[in-house]
């Protein structure tokens, strides 16, 4: 019995370890509901640099980061850069209010199971905010990049 439990625990840990994205990994195929309850692919913007930003309406640091991301988004070309916000809120109505209040115009989708959300597990999100920068080929090039790192990559 003890060996069975240890074996299951070992397999669970391996599954969790494989679920986390690493530099060089491709953008996963993920479909989540947007603010109008329509399934949206996060791979919609292939050919552009894409920042995947995990956040939640209840997260103070996320809301501060939203201000910076809105400015960055408004200051960059849609031809080369997109931001996709993935909310881990469990209450979609609070998420939608935060989007409006923070004046977010970039794509927003929700995976409403908090840190147990499949995308949070797949990306390896352990705290918020968390962001992942993918190059125009859809390859992960930075985890939690600074604004300067994003701008530097856009100017290459």
N, C-alpha and C. Protein backbone atom coordinates (compact mmCIF):
# COMPACT_ATOMS: atom_id res chain seq x y z
N UNK A 1 0.83 -1.19 0.00
CA UNK A 1 0.00 0.00 0.00
C UNK A 1 0.87 1.25 0.00
N UNK A 2 1.89 1.25 0.87
CA UNK A 2 2.78 2.40 0.97
C UNK A 2 3.49 2.64 -0.36
N UNK A 3 3.94 1.55 -1.00
CA UNK A 3 4.62 1.68 -2.29
C UNK A 3 3.68 2.21 -3.36
N UNK A 4 2.41 1.82 -3.31
CA UNK A 4 1.44 2.32 -4.28
C UNK A 4 1.24 3.82 -4.13
N UNK A 5 1.14 4.26 -2.89
CA UNK A 5 0.96 5.70 -2.63
C UNK A 5 2.18 6.47 -3.09
N UNK A 6 3.38 5.95 -2.78
CA UNK A 6 4.60 6.62 -3.20
C UNK A 6 4.71 6.66 -4.72
N UNK A 7 4.32 5.58 -5.39
CA UNK A 7 4.35 5.55 -6.85
C UNK A 7 3.41 6.58 -7.45
N UNK A 8 2.21 6.68 -6.89
CA UNK A 8 1.24 7.67 -7.38
C UNK A 8 1.75 9.08 -7.15
N UNK A 9 2.33 9.33 -5.99
CA UNK A 9 2.88 10.64 -5.68
C UNK A 9 4.01 10.99 -6.63
N UNK A 10 4.88 10.02 -6.92
CA UNK A 10 5.97 10.23 -7.85
C UNK A 10 5.45 10.59 -9.24
N UNK A 11 4.45 9.86 -9.72
CA UNK A 11 3.86 10.15 -11.03
C UNK A 11 3.21 11.52 -11.06
N UNK A 12 2.53 11.87 -9.97
CA UNK A 12 1.90 13.18 -9.88
C UNK A 12 2.96 14.28 -9.98
N UNK A 13 4.07 14.12 -9.27
CA UNK A 13 5.15 15.12 -9.30
C UNK A 13 5.75 15.22 -10.69
N UNK A 14 5.93 14.10 -11.36
CA UNK A 14 6.45 14.13 -12.73
C UNK A 14 5.49 14.86 -13.66
N UNK A 15 4.21 14.62 -13.50
CA UNK A 15 3.20 15.28 -14.33
C UNK A 15 3.25 16.79 -14.09
N UNK A 16 3.34 17.18 -12.83
CA UNK A 16 3.39 18.60 -12.51
C UNK A 16 4.66 19.23 -13.07
N UNK A 17 5.78 18.55 -12.97
CA UNK A 17 7.04 19.10 -13.48
C UNK A 17 6.98 19.28 -14.98
N UNK A 18 6.35 18.35 -15.68
CA UNK A 18 6.25 18.45 -17.13
C UNK A 18 5.23 19.50 -17.56
N UNK A 19 4.37 19.91 -16.65
CA UNK A 19 3.33 20.86 -17.00
C UNK A 19 3.86 22.29 -17.08
N UNK A 20 5.01 22.56 -16.48
CA UNK A 20 5.52 23.91 -16.45
C UNK A 20 6.31 24.22 -17.71
N UNK A 21 6.04 25.41 -18.27
CA UNK A 21 6.76 25.82 -19.47
C UNK A 21 8.18 26.23 -19.13
N UNK A 22 9.07 25.96 -20.06
CA UNK A 22 10.46 26.36 -19.94
C UNK A 22 10.85 27.19 -21.14
N UNK A 23 11.90 27.98 -21.00
CA UNK A 23 12.39 28.76 -22.14
C UNK A 23 12.64 27.81 -23.31
N UNK A 24 12.24 28.24 -24.49
CA UNK A 24 12.38 27.42 -25.68
C UNK A 24 11.16 26.59 -26.02
N UNK A 25 10.19 26.52 -25.09
CA UNK A 25 8.96 25.77 -25.35
C UNK A 25 8.02 26.57 -26.24
N UNK A 26 7.21 25.89 -27.04
CA UNK A 26 6.25 26.60 -27.90
C UNK A 26 5.02 27.07 -27.11
N UNK A 27 4.35 28.06 -27.66
CA UNK A 27 3.10 28.55 -27.09
C UNK A 27 2.08 27.42 -27.15
N UNK A 28 1.53 27.03 -26.00
CA UNK A 28 0.58 25.91 -25.99
C UNK A 28 -0.74 26.28 -26.68
N UNK A 29 -1.39 25.28 -27.21
CA UNK A 29 -2.72 25.47 -27.80
C UNK A 29 -3.73 25.51 -26.65
N UNK A 30 -4.26 26.69 -26.38
CA UNK A 30 -5.19 26.89 -25.29
C UNK A 30 -6.39 27.66 -25.81
N UNK A 31 -7.59 27.19 -25.45
CA UNK A 31 -8.82 27.88 -25.80
C UNK A 31 -9.56 28.23 -24.51
N UNK A 32 -9.84 29.52 -24.32
CA UNK A 32 -10.54 29.99 -23.13
C UNK A 32 -11.61 30.98 -23.53
N UNK A 33 -12.58 31.19 -22.65
CA UNK A 33 -13.68 32.11 -22.93
C UNK A 33 -13.22 33.56 -22.74
N UNK A 34 -13.65 34.42 -23.69
CA UNK A 34 -13.37 35.84 -23.57
C UNK A 34 -14.50 36.53 -22.81
N UNK A 35 -14.51 37.85 -22.82
CA UNK A 35 -15.49 38.60 -22.04
C UNK A 35 -16.91 38.46 -22.56
N UNK A 36 -17.06 38.00 -23.80
CA UNK A 36 -18.40 37.77 -24.35
C UNK A 36 -18.76 36.29 -24.35
N UNK A 37 -18.01 35.51 -23.59
CA UNK A 37 -18.27 34.09 -23.40
C UNK A 37 -18.05 33.26 -24.66
N UNK A 38 -17.14 33.71 -25.52
CA UNK A 38 -16.79 33.00 -26.75
C UNK A 38 -15.41 32.38 -26.57
N UNK A 39 -15.24 31.12 -26.97
CA UNK A 39 -13.93 30.48 -26.90
C UNK A 39 -12.95 31.20 -27.80
N UNK A 40 -11.78 31.48 -27.25
CA UNK A 40 -10.74 32.22 -27.96
C UNK A 40 -9.44 31.46 -27.86
N UNK A 41 -8.70 31.36 -28.95
CA UNK A 41 -7.39 30.72 -28.94
C UNK A 41 -6.33 31.74 -28.58
N UNK A 42 -5.41 31.35 -27.69
CA UNK A 42 -4.33 32.29 -27.38
C UNK A 42 -3.27 32.29 -28.48
N UNK A 43 -3.39 31.40 -29.44
CA UNK A 43 -2.44 31.36 -30.56
C UNK A 43 -2.92 32.21 -31.73
N UNK A 44 -3.95 33.01 -31.53
CA UNK A 44 -4.52 33.84 -32.59
C UNK A 44 -3.50 34.77 -33.22
N UNK A 45 -2.54 35.19 -32.44
CA UNK A 45 -1.61 36.22 -32.91
C UNK A 45 -0.27 35.66 -33.33
N UNK A 46 -0.27 34.51 -33.99
CA UNK A 46 1.00 33.95 -34.46
C UNK A 46 1.64 34.93 -35.44
N UNK A 47 2.96 34.97 -35.41
CA UNK A 47 3.69 35.90 -36.25
C UNK A 47 4.00 37.21 -35.54
N UNK A 48 3.52 37.36 -34.31
CA UNK A 48 3.78 38.56 -33.51
C UNK A 48 4.43 38.14 -32.20
N UNK A 49 5.12 39.07 -31.57
CA UNK A 49 5.60 38.86 -30.22
C UNK A 49 4.36 38.93 -29.33
N UNK A 50 4.22 37.95 -28.43
CA UNK A 50 3.02 37.86 -27.59
C UNK A 50 3.43 37.76 -26.13
N UNK A 51 2.81 38.60 -25.31
CA UNK A 51 2.99 38.52 -23.87
C UNK A 51 1.72 37.93 -23.28
N UNK A 52 1.86 36.78 -22.62
CA UNK A 52 0.74 36.16 -21.91
C UNK A 52 0.85 36.63 -20.47
N UNK A 53 -0.20 37.30 -19.99
CA UNK A 53 -0.18 37.89 -18.65
C UNK A 53 -1.26 37.25 -17.78
N UNK A 54 -0.85 36.49 -16.77
CA UNK A 54 -1.79 35.91 -15.81
C UNK A 54 -2.03 36.93 -14.71
N UNK A 55 -3.31 37.12 -14.37
CA UNK A 55 -3.66 38.10 -13.36
C UNK A 55 -5.02 37.75 -12.76
N UNK A 56 -5.44 38.55 -11.78
CA UNK A 56 -6.78 38.41 -11.19
C UNK A 56 -7.22 39.77 -10.67
N UNK A 57 -8.51 39.99 -10.65
CA UNK A 57 -9.07 41.27 -10.21
C UNK A 57 -8.75 41.57 -8.75
N UNK A 58 -8.64 40.55 -7.93
CA UNK A 58 -8.39 40.71 -6.50
C UNK A 58 -6.92 40.95 -6.17
N UNK A 59 -6.05 40.84 -7.15
CA UNK A 59 -4.59 40.92 -6.95
C UNK A 59 -4.11 42.36 -7.14
N UNK A 60 -3.75 43.00 -6.02
CA UNK A 60 -3.27 44.39 -6.07
C UNK A 60 -2.08 44.59 -6.99
N UNK A 61 -1.01 43.77 -6.88
CA UNK A 61 0.12 43.92 -7.79
C UNK A 61 -0.26 43.73 -9.27
N UNK A 62 -1.26 42.88 -9.51
CA UNK A 62 -1.73 42.67 -10.89
C UNK A 62 -2.37 43.94 -11.43
N UNK A 63 -3.15 44.58 -10.59
CA UNK A 63 -3.85 45.79 -11.03
C UNK A 63 -2.85 46.92 -11.31
N UNK A 64 -1.78 46.99 -10.53
CA UNK A 64 -0.73 47.97 -10.81
C UNK A 64 -0.02 47.62 -12.11
N UNK A 65 0.24 46.34 -12.31
CA UNK A 65 0.88 45.89 -13.56
C UNK A 65 0.00 46.18 -14.76
N UNK A 66 -1.33 46.07 -14.59
CA UNK A 66 -2.25 46.37 -15.69
C UNK A 66 -2.04 47.78 -16.22
N UNK A 67 -1.82 48.73 -15.32
CA UNK A 67 -1.60 50.13 -15.75
C UNK A 67 -0.40 50.23 -16.68
N UNK A 68 0.68 49.55 -16.31
CA UNK A 68 1.89 49.57 -17.14
C UNK A 68 1.66 48.85 -18.46
N UNK A 69 0.95 47.72 -18.40
CA UNK A 69 0.70 46.96 -19.62
C UNK A 69 -0.20 47.73 -20.59
N UNK A 70 -1.19 48.43 -20.06
CA UNK A 70 -2.07 49.25 -20.92
C UNK A 70 -1.24 50.31 -21.63
N UNK A 71 -0.34 50.98 -20.91
CA UNK A 71 0.53 52.00 -21.54
C UNK A 71 1.42 51.38 -22.60
N UNK A 72 2.03 50.23 -22.26
CA UNK A 72 2.90 49.54 -23.21
C UNK A 72 2.12 49.12 -24.45
N UNK A 73 0.95 48.57 -24.25
CA UNK A 73 0.11 48.12 -25.36
C UNK A 73 -0.25 49.30 -26.27
N UNK A 74 -0.65 50.40 -25.66
CA UNK A 74 -1.05 51.58 -26.44
C UNK A 74 0.13 52.21 -27.19
N UNK A 75 1.35 52.00 -26.71
CA UNK A 75 2.53 52.61 -27.31
C UNK A 75 3.21 51.73 -28.35
N UNK A 76 2.72 50.51 -28.57
CA UNK A 76 3.37 49.60 -29.52
C UNK A 76 2.45 49.29 -30.70
N UNK A 77 3.08 48.85 -31.76
CA UNK A 77 2.36 48.52 -32.99
C UNK A 77 1.64 47.18 -32.87
N UNK A 78 0.39 47.15 -33.31
CA UNK A 78 -0.37 45.89 -33.33
C UNK A 78 0.21 44.92 -34.34
N UNK A 79 0.98 45.41 -35.28
CA UNK A 79 1.57 44.53 -36.28
C UNK A 79 2.67 43.65 -35.71
N UNK A 80 3.29 44.10 -34.60
CA UNK A 80 4.40 43.32 -34.08
C UNK A 80 4.19 42.79 -32.66
N UNK A 81 3.20 43.30 -31.90
CA UNK A 81 3.10 42.94 -30.49
C UNK A 81 1.65 42.86 -30.04
N UNK A 82 1.37 41.82 -29.23
CA UNK A 82 0.05 41.67 -28.61
C UNK A 82 0.22 41.21 -27.17
N UNK A 83 -0.76 41.55 -26.37
CA UNK A 83 -0.83 41.08 -25.00
C UNK A 83 -2.12 40.28 -24.87
N UNK A 84 -2.04 39.16 -24.18
CA UNK A 84 -3.23 38.37 -23.88
C UNK A 84 -3.28 38.20 -22.36
N UNK A 85 -4.34 38.71 -21.76
CA UNK A 85 -4.53 38.56 -20.34
C UNK A 85 -5.31 37.29 -20.05
N UNK A 86 -4.80 36.49 -19.13
CA UNK A 86 -5.51 35.29 -18.69
C UNK A 86 -5.84 35.48 -17.22
N UNK A 87 -7.12 35.62 -16.93
CA UNK A 87 -7.56 35.82 -15.55
C UNK A 87 -7.76 34.49 -14.86
N UNK A 88 -7.34 34.45 -13.61
CA UNK A 88 -7.58 33.27 -12.78
C UNK A 88 -8.70 33.55 -11.78
N UNK A 89 -9.48 34.60 -12.03
CA UNK A 89 -10.60 34.93 -11.15
C UNK A 89 -11.63 33.81 -11.15
N UNK A 90 -12.23 33.58 -10.00
CA UNK A 90 -13.30 32.59 -9.91
C UNK A 90 -14.67 33.26 -10.08
N UNK A 91 -14.71 34.57 -10.07
CA UNK A 91 -15.95 35.33 -10.26
C UNK A 91 -15.82 36.19 -11.50
N UNK A 92 -16.35 35.71 -12.63
CA UNK A 92 -16.20 36.45 -13.89
C UNK A 92 -16.72 37.89 -13.84
N UNK A 93 -17.73 38.15 -13.03
CA UNK A 93 -18.26 39.51 -12.97
C UNK A 93 -17.23 40.49 -12.40
N UNK A 94 -16.42 40.05 -11.44
CA UNK A 94 -15.36 40.91 -10.89
C UNK A 94 -14.25 41.13 -11.91
N UNK A 95 -13.94 40.09 -12.67
CA UNK A 95 -12.95 40.18 -13.74
C UNK A 95 -13.37 41.21 -14.78
N UNK A 96 -14.62 41.16 -15.21
CA UNK A 96 -15.11 42.09 -16.23
C UNK A 96 -15.11 43.53 -15.71
N UNK A 97 -15.45 43.73 -14.45
CA UNK A 97 -15.41 45.08 -13.86
C UNK A 97 -13.98 45.60 -13.82
N UNK A 98 -13.04 44.75 -13.49
CA UNK A 98 -11.64 45.16 -13.43
C UNK A 98 -11.11 45.54 -14.81
N UNK A 99 -11.50 44.79 -15.83
CA UNK A 99 -11.09 45.10 -17.21
C UNK A 99 -11.57 46.50 -17.58
N UNK A 100 -12.82 46.77 -17.26
CA UNK A 100 -13.39 48.08 -17.58
C UNK A 100 -12.69 49.19 -16.79
N UNK A 101 -12.54 48.97 -15.50
CA UNK A 101 -11.92 49.99 -14.64
C UNK A 101 -10.47 50.26 -15.04
N UNK A 102 -9.74 49.21 -15.41
CA UNK A 102 -8.33 49.35 -15.77
C UNK A 102 -8.15 49.78 -17.24
N UNK A 103 -9.26 49.90 -17.96
CA UNK A 103 -9.25 50.36 -19.36
C UNK A 103 -8.39 49.45 -20.26
N UNK A 104 -8.55 48.14 -20.08
CA UNK A 104 -7.79 47.16 -20.85
C UNK A 104 -8.47 46.92 -22.19
N UNK A 105 -7.70 47.09 -23.26
CA UNK A 105 -8.22 46.90 -24.62
C UNK A 105 -7.68 45.65 -25.30
N UNK A 106 -6.64 45.05 -24.73
CA UNK A 106 -6.08 43.85 -25.34
C UNK A 106 -6.91 42.63 -24.94
N UNK A 107 -6.71 41.54 -25.67
CA UNK A 107 -7.53 40.35 -25.47
C UNK A 107 -7.49 39.86 -24.03
N UNK A 108 -8.66 39.54 -23.52
CA UNK A 108 -8.80 39.00 -22.17
C UNK A 108 -9.58 37.70 -22.24
N UNK A 109 -9.06 36.69 -21.55
CA UNK A 109 -9.75 35.40 -21.42
C UNK A 109 -9.69 34.99 -19.95
N UNK A 110 -10.52 34.03 -19.58
CA UNK A 110 -10.57 33.61 -18.19
C UNK A 110 -10.51 32.10 -18.05
N UNK A 111 -9.78 31.67 -17.04
CA UNK A 111 -9.74 30.26 -16.65
C UNK A 111 -10.11 30.27 -15.17
N UNK A 112 -11.41 30.22 -14.87
CA UNK A 112 -11.95 30.59 -13.55
C UNK A 112 -11.80 29.58 -12.42
N UNK A 113 -10.63 29.00 -12.30
CA UNK A 113 -10.44 28.04 -11.22
C UNK A 113 -9.24 28.42 -10.35
N UNK A 114 -8.88 29.71 -10.35
CA UNK A 114 -7.76 30.15 -9.53
C UNK A 114 -6.48 29.44 -9.92
N UNK A 115 -5.64 29.17 -8.93
CA UNK A 115 -4.36 28.51 -9.21
C UNK A 115 -4.53 27.05 -9.61
N UNK A 116 -5.74 26.51 -9.48
CA UNK A 116 -6.02 25.14 -9.94
C UNK A 116 -6.46 25.11 -11.41
N UNK A 117 -6.50 26.27 -12.05
CA UNK A 117 -6.91 26.35 -13.45
C UNK A 117 -5.91 25.57 -14.32
N UNK A 118 -6.42 24.83 -15.30
CA UNK A 118 -5.52 24.06 -16.17
C UNK A 118 -4.40 24.89 -16.80
N UNK A 119 -4.70 26.11 -17.24
CA UNK A 119 -3.64 26.91 -17.86
C UNK A 119 -2.61 27.36 -16.84
N UNK A 120 -3.04 27.66 -15.61
CA UNK A 120 -2.09 28.04 -14.57
C UNK A 120 -1.13 26.89 -14.29
N UNK A 121 -1.66 25.69 -14.26
CA UNK A 121 -0.82 24.51 -14.04
C UNK A 121 0.08 24.27 -15.25
N UNK A 122 -0.48 24.39 -16.44
CA UNK A 122 0.29 24.15 -17.66
C UNK A 122 1.47 25.12 -17.78
N UNK A 123 1.23 26.39 -17.44
CA UNK A 123 2.29 27.40 -17.54
C UNK A 123 3.21 27.39 -16.32
N UNK A 124 2.76 26.79 -15.21
CA UNK A 124 3.56 26.78 -14.00
C UNK A 124 3.40 28.04 -13.17
N UNK A 125 2.21 28.64 -13.21
CA UNK A 125 1.95 29.87 -12.47
C UNK A 125 1.79 29.54 -10.99
N UNK A 126 2.65 30.14 -10.19
CA UNK A 126 2.61 29.92 -8.74
C UNK A 126 2.30 31.19 -7.97
N UNK A 127 2.37 32.33 -8.65
CA UNK A 127 2.03 33.60 -8.03
C UNK A 127 1.57 34.57 -9.12
N UNK A 128 0.89 35.60 -8.70
CA UNK A 128 0.39 36.61 -9.63
C UNK A 128 1.00 37.96 -9.29
N UNK A 129 1.20 38.80 -10.29
CA UNK A 129 1.06 38.51 -11.71
C UNK A 129 2.20 37.60 -12.19
N UNK A 130 1.96 36.94 -13.29
CA UNK A 130 2.97 36.10 -13.94
C UNK A 130 2.85 36.32 -15.44
N UNK A 131 3.97 36.47 -16.11
CA UNK A 131 3.90 36.72 -17.55
C UNK A 131 4.94 35.90 -18.30
N UNK A 132 4.60 35.65 -19.55
CA UNK A 132 5.41 34.78 -20.41
C UNK A 132 5.50 35.45 -21.78
N UNK A 133 6.73 35.71 -22.24
CA UNK A 133 6.94 36.39 -23.51
C UNK A 133 7.34 35.38 -24.57
N UNK A 134 6.57 35.37 -25.66
CA UNK A 134 6.82 34.48 -26.79
C UNK A 134 7.25 35.30 -27.99
N UNK A 135 8.24 34.81 -28.72
CA UNK A 135 8.68 35.53 -29.91
C UNK A 135 7.70 35.31 -31.06
N UNK A 136 8.00 35.92 -32.21
CA UNK A 136 7.10 35.84 -33.35
C UNK A 136 6.94 34.43 -33.90
N UNK A 137 7.84 33.53 -33.51
CA UNK A 137 7.73 32.12 -33.91
C UNK A 137 6.97 31.29 -32.89
N UNK A 138 6.47 31.94 -31.83
CA UNK A 138 5.71 31.24 -30.81
C UNK A 138 6.56 30.48 -29.81
N UNK A 139 7.81 30.90 -29.64
CA UNK A 139 8.74 30.24 -28.71
C UNK A 139 8.90 31.10 -27.46
N UNK A 140 8.83 30.46 -26.29
CA UNK A 140 8.97 31.17 -25.03
C UNK A 140 10.40 31.69 -24.89
N UNK A 141 10.53 33.02 -24.75
CA UNK A 141 11.86 33.63 -24.67
C UNK A 141 12.13 34.29 -23.31
N UNK A 142 11.07 34.52 -22.51
CA UNK A 142 11.28 35.13 -21.19
C UNK A 142 10.10 34.83 -20.28
N UNK A 143 10.40 34.62 -19.01
CA UNK A 143 9.37 34.43 -17.99
C UNK A 143 9.45 35.63 -17.06
N UNK A 144 8.32 36.27 -16.84
CA UNK A 144 8.23 37.49 -16.04
C UNK A 144 9.21 38.56 -16.51
N UNK A 145 9.18 38.88 -17.82
CA UNK A 145 10.11 39.89 -18.34
C UNK A 145 9.76 41.27 -17.82
N UNK A 146 10.78 42.11 -17.71
CA UNK A 146 10.55 43.51 -17.36
C UNK A 146 10.06 44.24 -18.61
N UNK A 147 9.54 45.42 -18.42
CA UNK A 147 9.10 46.24 -19.55
C UNK A 147 10.29 46.54 -20.47
N UNK A 148 11.45 46.77 -19.87
CA UNK A 148 12.65 47.04 -20.67
C UNK A 148 13.04 45.84 -21.52
N UNK A 149 12.92 44.64 -20.97
CA UNK A 149 13.23 43.42 -21.73
C UNK A 149 12.26 43.26 -22.91
N UNK A 150 10.98 43.56 -22.67
CA UNK A 150 10.00 43.46 -23.76
C UNK A 150 10.33 44.46 -24.85
N UNK A 151 10.58 45.71 -24.47
CA UNK A 151 10.90 46.75 -25.46
C UNK A 151 12.18 46.41 -26.23
N UNK A 152 13.16 45.87 -25.52
CA UNK A 152 14.42 45.49 -26.18
C UNK A 152 14.14 44.43 -27.25
N UNK A 153 13.31 43.45 -26.91
CA UNK A 153 13.02 42.40 -27.89
C UNK A 153 12.22 42.96 -29.08
N UNK A 154 11.33 43.90 -28.81
CA UNK A 154 10.54 44.48 -29.90
C UNK A 154 11.40 45.32 -30.84
N UNK A 155 12.47 45.88 -30.32
CA UNK A 155 13.35 46.74 -31.13
C UNK A 155 14.43 45.97 -31.88
N UNK A 156 14.48 44.65 -31.71
CA UNK A 156 15.51 43.85 -32.40
C UNK A 156 15.18 43.71 -33.86
